[in-house]
Every structure is written in structure tokens, then in C-alpha cells.
Amino acid sequence: MLASQRKQQILQILAEEKQVLSSELSQRFGLSEDSIRRDLRELAAEGLVQRVHGGALPVSAALAPFDVRKSVQINSKRAVAKRAASLIQPGQVVLMDGGTTTEEMITFLPPDLAITVVTHSPSIAVGLVSHPSVEVILIGGTLFKHSVVTMGASVLEATRRINADLFFMGVTGVHKTAGFTTGNYEEAGIKRALSGRAAETVVMASQEKINSASPFAIGDLALAATLVVDTELEPEMEAALARQQVAVIHAD
């Protein structure tokens, strides 16, 4: 079998099983693990898989530039965002992460909703200007242009002064073993810090994020109290979320 054919088969197995192990692929193809690892390295270099210790996971489509991500699974994002917006109650203090799904979510907030929003996303802050009853606290720092959020020591310092009811956390991958992941190391740390300042963390996951992974771990599935999706989850994912006591809410 040609290497190109073998790599196509690996991608097919990954699509079906949501993860592959080097040891199992070695036995399946009758090759050394070194040969399989080389295949996985080449697939990762092409942006087709996310390598992890011992194998690989499906790569997240949510790692593209911000403007590109806006058009990825847009109907799924809107459905998830609309359902997530309904979780917010008047009078709450709400932490909002940056991201394309969160930008969709604020468009579904009732015009008379009286809440306080704390965000490190300039675009979220500007998007809430037209909501007269929403008080907006913008956390400043160094702008991370890929996600249009601020990062750095000043964000972490401000975070320590917040006690929020909800945190709507953006992720690029939701996987049964990798947990919640994103594409930047520093951004993953900011998300963990913000999650630690809220009574509950809500993750909105459009279809391209389910069963995929990115390079940097935010945390295990247990980091979230609620996962909002608009697609049926596979039994293994449902079981993993149930074990971590994560409530799954399906968009209408």
C-alpha cells in the first residue's frame, strides 16, 4: 500500500472513531510505530489531524482567522447562540469570552435585559453599545488579533476582582478525552482564569467543534457546568459529559 493510500485510510478511521492510536494503527497496517508516527506528523503538517501523545485527534476547523470563522457553520452557531442567550437572567453579572459564537449570542439578548457584562473582547463590548440596560466593563490588555481579545498580566489582575454568575467560554474543540481546547497557549490560560471567577461556565459548541481538538488544553470537560449544542452527540461523548456532570442543552 502506498503511503498516500495509508494516510487516506488513517483519516477515514479518524473520522469514524474520533481518535487514533499509533499502536493500534501499527497493528492494523502491519507497520512499525515509527512509520505510523511519520504518517501522523505529515498529516499534522498538512493541518489534517491534531497530534496528541500516542496518536491523533480530529483537527478543529475553528482555528481559521476570525473573519473566516464567522462563516463556518453559521446556522449552527446562530442556533447555539440563541439558546445560550436564553440562559441569562436579569440582574446577573456575566463574563463573556470573545469569539464568533459569542458575537452571535449578543444579537439575541432582549433589548431591555438589565445585566452587567464583563468582557476582554473589544468587539463584544462595542456590540453591546446598542443595549441601553447592559452595563459593560471592558478589560484591557494586549490585543490578540486572532481572537480579537485582550491578554496579558493586566487581564489576569482584573479577573481576580470579579465574581460572576456565568461565564460564556469560547473553545475551538470539544473532545471526550482532550476536553476543551483552543489554539493559543496564553489564551487557554486566560479562559481558565475567567472560568475560575464564575459560578457556572457555559460552553457554546457549534458542530465543527464537536469531537475535534486544538493544540492547547483549557481544561477537562468538568470545567463547564453546561454545554450548548445543536446536534445529537455520540453515545461516548454523552457518557463522558455525564461522568463529569456537565448538563447538555440542545438548541431548538
Protein backbone atom coordinates (compact mmCIF):
# COMPACT_ATOMS: atom_id res chain seq x y z
CA MET A 1 0.00 0.00 0.00
CA LEU A 2 1.28 3.44 -0.91
CA ALA A 3 1.87 5.92 1.89
CA SER A 4 -0.72 8.26 0.40
CA GLN A 5 -3.34 5.49 0.44
CA ARG A 6 -2.48 4.58 4.01
CA LYS A 7 -2.85 8.19 5.14
CA GLN A 8 -6.25 8.41 3.50
CA GLN A 9 -7.29 5.30 5.40
CA ILE A 10 -6.00 6.81 8.63
CA LEU A 11 -8.13 9.91 8.02
CA GLN A 12 -11.15 7.70 7.36
CA ILE A 13 -10.59 5.77 10.59
CA LEU A 14 -10.19 9.05 12.46
CA ALA A 15 -13.45 10.39 11.03
CA GLU A 16 -15.27 7.24 12.16
CA GLU A 17 -13.67 6.67 15.56
CA LYS A 18 -12.81 10.29 16.55
CA GLN A 19 -9.30 9.30 17.64
CA VAL A 20 -6.49 7.01 16.53
CA LEU A 21 -3.67 5.38 18.47
CA SER A 22 -0.27 4.76 16.92
CA SER A 23 -0.05 1.30 18.47
CA GLU A 24 -3.40 0.21 17.05
CA LEU A 25 -2.63 1.63 13.60
CA SER A 26 0.71 -0.17 13.66
CA GLN A 27 -1.04 -3.49 14.16
CA ARG A 28 -3.76 -2.72 11.65
CA PHE A 29 -1.32 -1.86 8.84
CA GLY A 30 1.48 -4.24 9.86
CA LEU A 31 3.99 -1.41 10.16
CA SER A 32 6.29 -0.09 12.85
CA GLU A 33 5.01 2.64 15.14
CA ASP A 34 7.78 4.88 13.78
CA SER A 35 6.23 4.61 10.32
CA ILE A 36 2.78 5.44 11.69
CA ARG A 37 4.13 8.36 13.67
CA ARG A 38 5.74 9.68 10.48
CA ASP A 39 2.37 9.46 8.72
CA LEU A 40 0.73 11.35 11.56
CA ARG A 41 3.45 14.01 11.53
CA GLU A 42 2.91 14.56 7.82
CA LEU A 43 -0.86 14.71 8.22
CA ALA A 44 -0.46 17.20 11.08
CA ALA A 45 1.85 19.34 8.94
CA GLU A 46 -0.94 19.48 6.34
CA GLY A 47 -3.38 20.59 9.04
CA LEU A 48 -5.45 17.41 8.75
CA VAL A 49 -5.01 15.96 12.27
CA GLN A 50 -4.15 17.16 15.76
CA ARG A 51 -1.34 15.03 17.18
CA VAL A 52 -1.50 14.01 20.83
CA HIS A 53 0.55 11.66 22.94
CA GLY A 54 0.15 8.18 21.49
CA GLY A 55 -1.87 9.12 18.43
CA ALA A 56 -4.03 11.84 16.90
CA LEU A 57 -7.43 13.54 17.13
CA PRO A 58 -9.57 15.32 14.52
CA VAL A 59 -8.28 18.84 13.99
CA SER A 60 -10.62 21.73 14.75
CA ALA A 61 -11.95 23.82 11.87
CA ALA A 62 -12.34 26.68 14.34
CA LEU A 63 -8.66 27.63 14.16
CA ALA A 64 -9.05 29.69 10.98
CA PRO A 65 -8.68 33.50 11.01
CA PHE A 66 -11.51 35.41 12.71
CA ASP A 67 -13.16 36.68 9.52
CA VAL A 68 -13.11 33.17 8.03
CA ARG A 69 -14.55 31.60 11.19
CA LYS A 70 -17.56 33.90 11.04
CA SER A 71 -18.89 31.95 8.05
CA VAL A 72 -18.08 28.44 9.36
CA GLN A 73 -21.26 26.58 10.38
CA ILE A 74 -23.08 29.90 10.67
CA ASN A 75 -26.55 28.35 11.09
CA SER A 76 -25.25 26.06 13.82
CA LYS A 77 -23.60 28.99 15.60
CA ARG A 78 -26.77 31.05 15.50
CA ALA A 79 -28.90 28.22 16.86
CA VAL A 80 -26.48 27.59 19.71
CA ALA A 81 -26.05 31.30 20.41
CA LYS A 82 -29.81 31.91 20.56
CA ARG A 83 -30.32 29.07 23.05
CA ALA A 84 -27.37 30.21 25.17
CA ALA A 85 -28.68 33.78 25.34
CA SER A 86 -31.88 32.47 26.95
CA LEU A 87 -29.83 31.24 29.93
CA ILE A 88 -29.05 34.79 31.06
CA GLN A 89 -31.30 36.23 33.78
CA PRO A 90 -31.88 39.91 34.65
CA GLY A 91 -29.50 41.31 37.23
CA GLN A 92 -26.71 38.82 36.60
CA VAL A 93 -23.04 39.58 36.19
CA VAL A 94 -21.95 37.78 33.04
CA LEU A 95 -18.42 37.16 31.82
CA MET A 96 -18.28 36.94 28.03
CA ASP A 97 -15.37 35.49 26.11
CA GLY A 98 -14.55 36.66 22.61
CA GLY A 99 -15.34 34.65 19.52
CA THR A 100 -17.73 34.40 16.62
CA THR A 101 -20.39 32.44 18.53
CA THR A 102 -20.43 34.97 21.36
CA GLU A 103 -20.80 37.77 18.79
CA GLU A 104 -23.88 35.96 17.54
CA MET A 105 -25.17 35.46 21.09
CA ILE A 106 -25.33 39.15 21.98
CA THR A 107 -27.61 39.78 18.99
CA PHE A 108 -30.23 37.59 20.69
CA LEU A 109 -30.24 39.45 24.02
CA PRO A 110 -33.59 41.14 24.75
CA PRO A 111 -33.27 44.91 24.27
CA ASP A 112 -34.48 45.60 27.81
CA LEU A 113 -32.30 43.00 29.55
CA ALA A 114 -30.57 44.60 32.56
CA ILE A 115 -27.26 42.83 33.25
CA THR A 116 -23.59 43.61 33.75
CA VAL A 117 -21.27 42.18 31.13
CA VAL A 118 -17.56 41.86 31.81
CA THR A 119 -15.50 41.07 28.73
CA HIS A 120 -11.96 41.18 27.38
CA SER A 121 -13.30 41.35 23.83
CA PRO A 122 -13.47 44.84 22.28
CA SER A 123 -15.88 43.60 19.61
CA ILE A 124 -18.29 42.21 22.23
CA ALA A 125 -18.13 45.49 24.15
CA VAL A 126 -18.86 47.55 21.03
CA GLY A 127 -21.64 45.14 20.04
CA LEU A 128 -23.40 45.87 23.33
CA VAL A 129 -23.41 49.65 22.86
CA SER A 130 -26.95 49.48 21.47
CA HIS A 131 -28.24 47.67 24.59
CA PRO A 132 -29.15 50.55 26.93
CA SER A 133 -29.75 48.36 30.00
CA VAL A 134 -26.47 46.45 29.76
CA GLU A 135 -23.58 47.83 31.77
CA VAL A 136 -20.32 46.90 30.04
CA ILE A 137 -16.96 46.52 31.76
CA LEU A 138 -14.13 46.12 29.24
CA ILE A 139 -10.92 44.52 30.49
CA GLY A 140 -7.87 45.96 28.77
CA GLY A 141 -4.58 44.36 27.82
CA THR A 142 -2.53 43.34 24.81
CA LEU A 143 -4.77 42.67 21.81
CA PHE A 144 -4.62 39.11 20.47
CA LYS A 145 -5.81 39.78 16.94
CA HIS A 146 -6.62 36.19 16.00
CA SER A 147 -9.48 36.06 18.51
CA VAL A 148 -9.95 39.83 18.97
CA VAL A 149 -9.48 39.62 22.75
CA THR A 150 -7.06 41.17 25.18
CA MET A 151 -4.50 39.09 27.03
CA GLY A 152 -1.65 39.53 29.46
CA ALA A 153 -0.99 40.30 33.12
CA SER A 154 -3.49 43.16 33.26
CA VAL A 155 -6.31 40.83 32.22
CA LEU A 156 -5.38 38.32 34.90
CA GLU A 157 -5.16 41.08 37.53
CA ALA A 158 -8.60 42.44 36.64
CA THR A 159 -10.04 38.93 36.62
CA ARG A 160 -9.18 38.46 40.29
CA ARG A 161 -11.62 41.27 41.18
CA ILE A 162 -14.66 39.67 39.54
CA ASN A 163 -17.32 37.35 40.94
CA ALA A 164 -19.66 36.48 38.08
CA ASP A 165 -22.78 34.37 37.78
CA LEU A 166 -21.99 32.98 34.33
CA PHE A 167 -19.00 32.73 32.02
CA PHE A 168 -19.66 32.05 28.35
CA MET A 169 -16.40 30.45 27.29
CA GLY A 170 -15.26 30.14 23.71
CA VAL A 171 -13.45 26.98 22.64
CA THR A 172 -12.23 25.56 19.34
CA GLY A 173 -12.53 21.89 20.31
CA VAL A 174 -14.69 19.65 22.50
CA HIS A 175 -13.44 16.09 22.78
CA LYS A 176 -14.23 13.22 25.14
CA THR A 177 -10.56 12.71 26.10
CA ALA A 178 -8.88 16.03 25.21
CA GLY A 179 -11.59 18.09 26.91
CA PHE A 180 -11.86 21.77 25.93
CA THR A 181 -9.04 23.09 23.77
CA THR A 182 -8.00 26.22 21.91
CA GLY A 183 -5.27 27.29 19.53
CA ASN A 184 -3.14 29.56 21.73
CA TYR A 185 -1.32 28.77 24.97
CA GLU A 186 -1.81 32.19 26.62
CA GLU A 187 -5.44 32.35 25.59
CA ALA A 188 -6.07 28.95 27.20
CA GLY A 189 -4.73 30.34 30.48
CA ILE A 190 -6.97 33.41 30.30
CA LYS A 191 -10.01 31.20 29.72
CA ARG A 192 -9.15 29.05 32.76
CA ALA A 193 -8.74 32.16 34.90
CA LEU A 194 -12.09 33.60 33.78
CA SER A 195 -13.82 30.27 34.38
CA GLY A 196 -12.49 30.29 37.92
CA ARG A 197 -14.27 33.60 38.60
CA ALA A 198 -17.77 32.46 37.63
CA ALA A 199 -20.29 30.33 39.49
CA GLU A 200 -21.00 28.45 36.25
CA THR A 201 -19.19 28.14 32.92
CA VAL A 202 -21.23 27.69 29.75
CA VAL A 203 -19.62 26.42 26.55
CA MET A 204 -21.33 27.01 23.21
CA ALA A 205 -20.26 24.38 20.70
CA SER A 206 -21.31 24.62 17.08
CA GLN A 207 -20.98 21.47 15.01
CA GLU A 208 -17.39 21.93 13.77
CA LYS A 209 -16.07 21.94 17.35
CA ILE A 210 -17.56 18.64 18.50
CA ASN A 211 -15.14 15.67 18.50
CA SER A 212 -12.21 17.87 17.48
CA ALA A 213 -9.14 19.20 19.26
CA SER A 214 -6.63 22.04 19.16
CA PRO A 215 -3.05 22.23 20.48
CA PHE A 216 -3.66 23.75 23.93
CA ALA A 217 -5.86 22.40 26.71
CA ILE A 218 -8.16 24.78 28.56
CA GLY A 219 -9.35 22.04 30.88
CA ASP A 220 -11.29 18.83 31.25
CA LEU A 221 -14.96 18.63 30.35
CA ALA A 222 -15.73 19.13 34.06
CA LEU A 223 -14.66 22.77 33.68
CA ALA A 224 -18.11 23.52 32.23
CA ALA A 225 -21.43 23.27 34.02
CA THR A 226 -23.32 23.43 30.73
CA LEU A 227 -22.64 22.59 27.09
CA VAL A 228 -24.97 24.08 24.47
CA VAL A 229 -25.12 22.19 21.16
CA ASP A 230 -27.44 21.91 18.18
CA THR A 231 -26.59 18.37 17.11
CA GLU A 232 -27.05 14.94 18.60
CA LEU A 233 -23.94 13.76 20.42
CA GLU A 234 -22.50 10.30 20.04
CA PRO A 235 -23.07 7.91 22.98
CA GLU A 236 -19.41 8.01 24.06
CA MET A 237 -19.44 11.81 24.21
CA GLU A 238 -22.77 11.79 26.08
CA ALA A 239 -21.32 9.31 28.58
CA ALA A 240 -18.14 11.37 29.07
CA LEU A 241 -20.17 14.52 29.75
CA ALA A 242 -22.48 12.66 32.13
CA ARG A 243 -19.50 11.34 34.11
CA GLN A 244 -18.26 14.91 34.54
CA GLN A 245 -21.78 16.11 35.46
CA VAL A 246 -21.96 18.52 32.52
CA ALA A 247 -25.54 19.39 31.55
CA VAL A 248 -26.17 19.26 27.81
CA ILE A 249 -28.71 21.71 26.37
CA HIS A 250 -29.89 21.26 22.79
CA ALA A 251 -30.80 24.28 20.70
CA ASP A 252 -34.26 24.28 19.16
